[in-house]
Amino acid sequence: MTIAVFIADDHAILREGLAHLLAAQPDLRAEQPQAEAPSMPRGHGETVLVVDDEDSVLQLVQKTLEKFG
């Protein structure tokens, strides 16, 4: 099973570096998020890792993930 990893960051060098690291893993695939999603995707119990050093960002992400499953 291949796992799609969406990389969203405002720094291109970070996005490219993470994509390069993921490319070395046979079971991971880096995906670029679409500019506009037709609708908010729903979760199915997946585990999501969010890394940020701003508490407000982490809280917003947590609330959003909880809202959309």
C-alpha atoms as a PDB file:
ATOM      1  CA  MET A   1       0.000   0.000   0.000  1.00  0.00           C
ATOM      2  CA  THR A   2       1.327   3.417  -0.946  1.00  0.00           C
ATOM      3  CA  ILE A   3       0.677   6.313   1.423  1.00  0.00           C
ATOM      4  CA  ALA A   4       0.110   9.742  -0.113  1.00  0.00           C
ATOM      5  CA  VAL A   5       1.710  12.572   1.870  1.00  0.00           C
ATOM      6  CA  PHE A   6       0.498  16.096   1.174  1.00  0.00           C
ATOM      7  CA  ILE A   7       3.191  18.721   1.727  1.00  0.00           C
ATOM      8  CA  ALA A   8       1.899  22.216   2.394  1.00  0.00           C
ATOM      9  CA  ASP A   9       4.385  24.909   3.381  1.00  0.00           C
ATOM     10  CA  ASP A  10       5.094  28.405   2.145  1.00  0.00           C
ATOM     11  CA  HIS A  11       8.818  27.655   1.707  1.00  0.00           C
ATOM     12  CA  ALA A  12       9.556  25.974  -1.630  1.00  0.00           C
ATOM     13  CA  ILE A  13      12.929  24.646  -0.454  1.00  0.00           C
ATOM     14  CA  LEU A  14      11.267  22.825   2.442  1.00  0.00           C
ATOM     15  CA  ARG A  15       8.581  21.340   0.168  1.00  0.00           C
ATOM     16  CA  GLU A  16      11.208  20.174  -2.326  1.00  0.00           C
ATOM     17  CA  GLY A  17      13.453  18.729   0.394  1.00  0.00           C
ATOM     18  CA  LEU A  18      10.604  16.779   1.989  1.00  0.00           C
ATOM     19  CA  ALA A  19       9.457  15.520  -1.412  1.00  0.00           C
ATOM     20  CA  HIS A  20      13.015  14.342  -2.119  1.00  0.00           C
ATOM     21  CA  LEU A  21      13.189  12.477   1.204  1.00  0.00           C
ATOM     22  CA  LEU A  22       9.809  10.867   0.611  1.00  0.00           C
ATOM     23  CA  ALA A  23      10.817   9.776  -2.897  1.00  0.00           C
ATOM     24  CA  ALA A  24      13.444   7.498  -1.337  1.00  0.00           C
ATOM     25  CA  GLN A  25      10.705   5.546   0.467  1.00  0.00           C
ATOM     26  CA  PRO A  26       8.946   2.957  -1.720  1.00  0.00           C
ATOM     27  CA  ASP A  27       5.695   3.062   0.275  1.00  0.00           C
ATOM     28  CA  LEU A  28       5.355   6.879   0.399  1.00  0.00           C
ATOM     29  CA  ARG A  29       4.310   9.280  -2.343  1.00  0.00           C
ATOM     30  CA  ALA A  30       4.559  13.077  -2.093  1.00  0.00           C
ATOM     31  CA  GLU A  31       1.498  14.920  -3.389  1.00  0.00           C
ATOM     32  CA  GLN A  32       0.997  18.605  -3.982  1.00  0.00           C
ATOM     33  CA  PRO A  33      -2.309  19.884  -2.594  1.00  0.00           C
ATOM     34  CA  GLN A  34      -4.725  21.262  -5.159  1.00  0.00           C
ATOM     35  CA  ALA A  35      -5.159  25.011  -5.254  1.00  0.00           C
ATOM     36  CA  GLU A  36      -8.888  24.567  -4.714  1.00  0.00           C
ATOM     37  CA  ALA A  37     -10.489  21.382  -3.530  1.00  0.00           C
ATOM     38  CA  PRO A  38     -14.038  20.840  -4.771  1.00  0.00           C
ATOM     39  CA  SER A  39     -15.125  19.904  -1.242  1.00  0.00           C
ATOM     40  CA  MET A  40     -13.508  19.297   2.136  1.00  0.00           C
ATOM     41  CA  PRO A  41     -12.322  15.677   2.262  1.00  0.00           C
ATOM     42  CA  ARG A  42     -13.522  13.502   5.133  1.00  0.00           C
ATOM     43  CA  GLY A  43     -11.185  11.354   7.201  1.00  0.00           C
ATOM     44  CA  HIS A  44     -11.473   7.648   7.869  1.00  0.00           C
ATOM     45  CA  GLY A  45      -9.504   7.291  11.102  1.00  0.00           C
ATOM     46  CA  GLU A  46      -6.079   8.042   9.613  1.00  0.00           C
ATOM     47  CA  THR A  47      -3.222   9.247  11.779  1.00  0.00           C
ATOM     48  CA  VAL A  48      -2.064  12.755  10.877  1.00  0.00           C
ATOM     49  CA  LEU A  49       1.267  14.267  11.940  1.00  0.00           C
ATOM     50  CA  VAL A  50       1.327  18.062  12.054  1.00  0.00           C
ATOM     51  CA  VAL A  51       4.595  19.832  12.804  1.00  0.00           C
ATOM     52  CA  ASP A  52       4.576  23.534  13.596  1.00  0.00           C
ATOM     53  CA  ASP A  53       6.071  25.726  16.293  1.00  0.00           C
ATOM     54  CA  GLU A  54       3.013  27.979  16.669  1.00  0.00           C
ATOM     55  CA  ASP A  55       0.450  26.846  19.238  1.00  0.00           C
ATOM     56  CA  SER A  56      -2.311  28.764  17.457  1.00  0.00           C
ATOM     57  CA  VAL A  57      -1.630  26.878  14.212  1.00  0.00           C
ATOM     58  CA  LEU A  58      -1.634  23.523  16.001  1.00  0.00           C
ATOM     59  CA  GLN A  59      -4.914  24.345  17.748  1.00  0.00           C
ATOM     60  CA  LEU A  60      -6.538  25.395  14.474  1.00  0.00           C
ATOM     61  CA  VAL A  61      -5.372  22.231  12.741  1.00  0.00           C
ATOM     62  CA  GLN A  62      -6.590  20.085  15.625  1.00  0.00           C
ATOM     63  CA  LYS A  63     -10.056  21.690  15.559  1.00  0.00           C
ATOM     64  CA  THR A  64     -10.262  21.336  11.778  1.00  0.00           C
ATOM     65  CA  LEU A  65      -9.223  17.673  11.826  1.00  0.00           C
ATOM     66  CA  GLU A  66     -11.683  16.888  14.606  1.00  0.00           C
ATOM     67  CA  LYS A  67     -14.488  18.656  12.719  1.00  0.00           C
ATOM     68  CA  PHE A  68     -13.880  16.794   9.465  1.00  0.00           C
ATOM     69  CA  GLY A  69     -13.020  13.415  10.953  1.00  0.00           C
END
